[in-house]
């Protein structure tokens, strides 16, 4: 039986990179970034370049290699990988060694994957690979991917809650809150 392709974001969905990079915003630019901040540039007044500097510095300090995997994620992904080809789709492009560090981190944490796509145009990857499921923590990205007709899910996080509550979410996007729920969707519906 041929496995279907699914797309899953890394940062904010599988990898807790944000909690370890928040102190860098204070250190490098003197701004406080909390769990509730969604658009760092708009909400802090930093430029795109300044935000990129923080994530590049995180890479230079090895933070991408040491980021924690969210609870229940690994076991859910192992179960899901038995029935699906997992594509990790990530924007990560902040410093030259990011690809190498990403693969190191995936292997170090024994996270299963079929392919990793580094792209700012996640919707193009979703279309090209005919995703049967797509998961991200960004409202904007989910809204765009939903237009490709890929079943799209927003992973509820503190930084996207206010957008969910203010009906900024495309009606095609469904909301999930934890990995048990994702397993039920992917493994029960497939049976």
Protein backbone atom coordinates (compact mmCIF):
# COMPACT_ATOMS: atom_id res chain seq x y z
CA UNK A 1 0.00 0.00 0.00
CA UNK A 2 1.35 3.43 -1.00
CA UNK A 3 1.67 5.87 1.89
CA UNK A 4 0.04 9.30 1.64
CA UNK A 5 2.14 12.42 2.14
CA UNK A 6 1.61 14.76 5.08
CA UNK A 7 3.30 18.06 5.90
CA UNK A 8 4.25 19.22 9.37
CA UNK A 9 5.97 22.42 10.48
CA UNK A 10 8.92 22.15 12.88
CA UNK A 11 9.21 25.28 15.05
CA UNK A 12 6.25 25.76 17.35
CA UNK A 13 4.75 22.38 16.41
CA UNK A 14 7.46 19.79 17.06
CA UNK A 15 10.35 21.89 18.29
CA UNK A 16 10.24 24.35 21.19
CA UNK A 17 12.65 26.85 19.71
CA UNK A 18 10.76 29.92 20.85
CA UNK A 19 11.23 29.54 24.60
CA UNK A 20 15.00 29.35 24.19
CA UNK A 21 15.25 32.25 21.72
CA UNK A 22 13.10 34.73 23.68
CA UNK A 23 15.99 35.79 25.95
CA UNK A 24 18.05 36.61 22.84
CA UNK A 25 15.55 39.29 21.81
CA UNK A 26 16.17 41.01 25.14
CA UNK A 27 19.93 40.49 24.98
CA UNK A 28 20.42 41.63 21.37
CA UNK A 29 17.69 44.24 20.94
CA UNK A 30 16.36 45.07 24.41
CA UNK A 31 12.80 43.91 23.72
CA UNK A 32 10.63 41.50 25.66
CA UNK A 33 9.00 38.76 23.58
CA UNK A 34 6.35 36.76 25.44
CA UNK A 35 4.40 33.60 24.57
CA UNK A 36 1.55 35.72 23.24
CA UNK A 37 3.60 37.59 20.61
CA UNK A 38 2.57 36.44 17.13
CA UNK A 39 4.08 39.01 14.75
CA UNK A 40 7.41 39.92 16.33
CA UNK A 41 8.09 42.79 13.92
CA UNK A 42 4.72 44.49 14.36
CA UNK A 43 4.45 43.89 18.07
CA UNK A 44 8.01 44.87 19.06
CA UNK A 45 8.97 47.39 16.38
CA UNK A 46 11.96 45.30 15.28
CA UNK A 47 12.87 45.05 11.61
CA UNK A 48 12.92 41.78 9.64
CA UNK A 49 16.69 41.97 9.71
CA UNK A 50 16.78 42.31 13.52
CA UNK A 51 14.46 39.34 13.96
CA UNK A 52 16.59 37.29 11.54
CA UNK A 53 19.69 38.29 13.55
CA UNK A 54 18.19 36.73 16.66
CA UNK A 55 17.47 33.42 14.94
CA UNK A 56 20.89 33.45 13.25
CA UNK A 57 22.54 34.04 16.64
CA UNK A 58 20.52 31.13 18.03
CA UNK A 59 22.06 28.99 15.32
CA UNK A 60 25.58 30.21 16.03
CA UNK A 61 25.06 29.30 19.68
CA UNK A 62 23.85 25.79 18.79
CA UNK A 63 20.30 26.34 20.01
CA UNK A 64 18.75 24.59 17.00
CA UNK A 65 20.76 21.47 17.83
CA UNK A 66 19.63 21.52 21.47
CA UNK A 67 15.98 22.59 21.20
CA UNK A 68 13.50 20.42 23.06
CA UNK A 69 10.88 18.28 21.37
CA UNK A 70 7.39 19.01 22.70
CA UNK A 71 5.87 16.35 24.98
CA UNK A 72 4.18 13.35 23.29
CA UNK A 73 5.49 14.44 19.89
CA UNK A 74 8.08 11.76 19.19
CA UNK A 75 5.86 8.78 20.00
CA UNK A 76 3.00 10.25 17.96
CA UNK A 77 5.29 10.84 14.98
CA UNK A 78 6.65 7.31 15.16
CA UNK A 79 3.08 5.93 15.09
CA UNK A 80 2.06 8.27 12.29
CA UNK A 81 5.15 7.44 10.20
CA UNK A 82 4.00 3.83 9.93
CA UNK A 83 1.11 4.95 7.73
CA UNK A 84 2.28 8.26 6.21
CA UNK A 85 5.30 9.85 4.56
CA UNK A 86 6.17 12.73 6.88
CA UNK A 87 7.46 15.87 5.19
CA UNK A 88 8.76 18.49 7.60
CA UNK A 89 8.13 21.84 5.95
CA UNK A 90 10.04 24.68 7.55
CA UNK A 91 10.99 28.27 6.78
CA UNK A 92 14.37 27.88 8.51
CA UNK A 93 16.91 29.90 6.51
CA UNK A 94 18.55 32.14 9.08
CA UNK A 95 22.18 31.02 8.79
CA UNK A 96 24.24 28.87 6.40
CA UNK A 97 24.48 25.76 8.57
CA UNK A 98 20.76 25.55 9.40
CA UNK A 99 20.07 22.56 7.14
CA UNK A 100 22.88 20.54 8.68
CA UNK A 101 21.77 21.51 12.19
CA UNK A 102 18.15 20.62 11.38
CA UNK A 103 19.05 17.10 10.20
CA UNK A 104 21.37 16.66 13.18
CA UNK A 105 18.52 17.64 15.52
CA UNK A 106 16.00 15.33 13.82
CA UNK A 107 18.40 12.37 14.00
CA UNK A 108 19.53 13.16 17.56
CA UNK A 109 15.89 13.13 18.69
CA UNK A 110 15.06 10.04 16.61
CA UNK A 111 12.23 11.82 14.79
CA UNK A 112 11.00 9.96 11.71
CA UNK A 113 10.78 11.73 8.38
CA UNK A 114 10.48 11.01 4.70
CA UNK A 115 11.71 14.39 3.50
CA UNK A 116 12.49 17.87 4.82
CA UNK A 117 11.56 20.92 2.74
CA UNK A 118 13.06 24.33 3.51
CA UNK A 119 10.74 26.90 1.97
CA UNK A 120 8.95 30.17 2.62
CA UNK A 121 6.25 28.98 0.19
CA UNK A 122 4.80 26.09 2.17
CA UNK A 123 1.63 26.15 0.08
CA UNK A 124 3.67 25.28 -3.04
CA UNK A 125 5.14 22.25 -1.27
CA UNK A 126 1.63 21.22 -0.12
CA UNK A 127 0.37 21.36 -3.71
CA UNK A 128 3.38 19.67 -5.28
CA UNK A 129 3.46 16.80 -2.78
CA UNK A 130 -0.34 16.43 -2.61
CA UNK A 131 -0.50 16.58 1.18
CA UNK A 132 -3.40 14.71 2.74
CA UNK A 133 -2.81 16.59 5.99
CA UNK A 134 -0.89 19.76 6.83
CA UNK A 135 -0.08 21.08 10.33
CA UNK A 136 1.39 24.46 11.28
CA UNK A 137 1.20 26.97 14.15
CA UNK A 138 0.95 30.02 11.87
CA UNK A 139 -2.52 31.33 11.06
CA UNK A 140 -1.21 33.02 7.91
CA UNK A 141 0.46 29.87 6.60
CA UNK A 142 -2.56 27.68 7.41
CA UNK A 143 -4.87 30.12 5.64
CA UNK A 144 -2.67 30.00 2.53
CA UNK A 145 -2.23 26.20 2.52
CA UNK A 146 -5.99 25.68 2.99
CA UNK A 147 -6.51 27.29 -0.42
CA UNK A 148 -4.58 24.38 -2.00
CA UNK A 149 -7.37 22.02 -0.85
CA UNK A 150 -4.94 20.17 1.45
CA UNK A 151 -6.70 19.36 4.73
CA UNK A 152 -5.09 21.96 6.99
CA UNK A 153 -4.80 22.08 10.77
CA UNK A 154 -3.64 24.87 13.04
CA UNK A 155 -1.76 23.73 16.15
CA UNK A 156 -3.14 25.86 18.99
CA UNK A 157 -0.40 27.80 20.74
CA UNK A 158 -0.45 30.88 23.03
CA UNK A 159 0.74 33.12 20.19
CA UNK A 160 -2.09 32.19 17.80
CA UNK A 161 -5.04 32.05 20.25
CA UNK A 162 -6.23 35.62 19.75
CA UNK A 163 -6.44 35.08 15.97
CA UNK A 164 -8.51 31.95 16.45
CA UNK A 165 -10.87 33.82 18.74
CA UNK A 166 -11.21 36.78 16.37
CA UNK A 167 -12.25 34.61 13.43
CA UNK A 168 -9.17 35.39 11.32
CA UNK A 169 -8.90 31.73 10.42
CA UNK A 170 -10.03 30.39 7.04
CA UNK A 171 -13.15 28.24 7.57
CA UNK A 172 -11.32 25.28 5.94
CA UNK A 173 -8.68 25.24 8.68
CA UNK A 174 -9.38 23.02 11.68
CA UNK A 175 -7.81 23.55 15.10
CA UNK A 176 -5.94 20.88 17.07
CA UNK A 177 -4.52 21.21 20.56
CA UNK A 178 -2.26 18.21 21.14
CA UNK A 179 -0.58 15.21 19.56
CA UNK A 180 -3.18 12.70 20.80
CA UNK A 181 -5.78 14.60 18.80
CA UNK A 182 -3.54 14.57 15.72
CA UNK A 183 -2.99 10.82 16.07
CA UNK A 184 -6.75 10.26 16.24
CA UNK A 185 -7.29 12.28 13.07
CA UNK A 186 -4.55 10.56 11.12
CA UNK A 187 -4.71 7.02 12.45
CA UNK A 188 -8.42 6.56 13.17
CA UNK A 189 -9.63 8.16 9.93
CA UNK A 190 -7.20 5.99 7.97
CA UNK A 191 -8.45 2.70 9.48
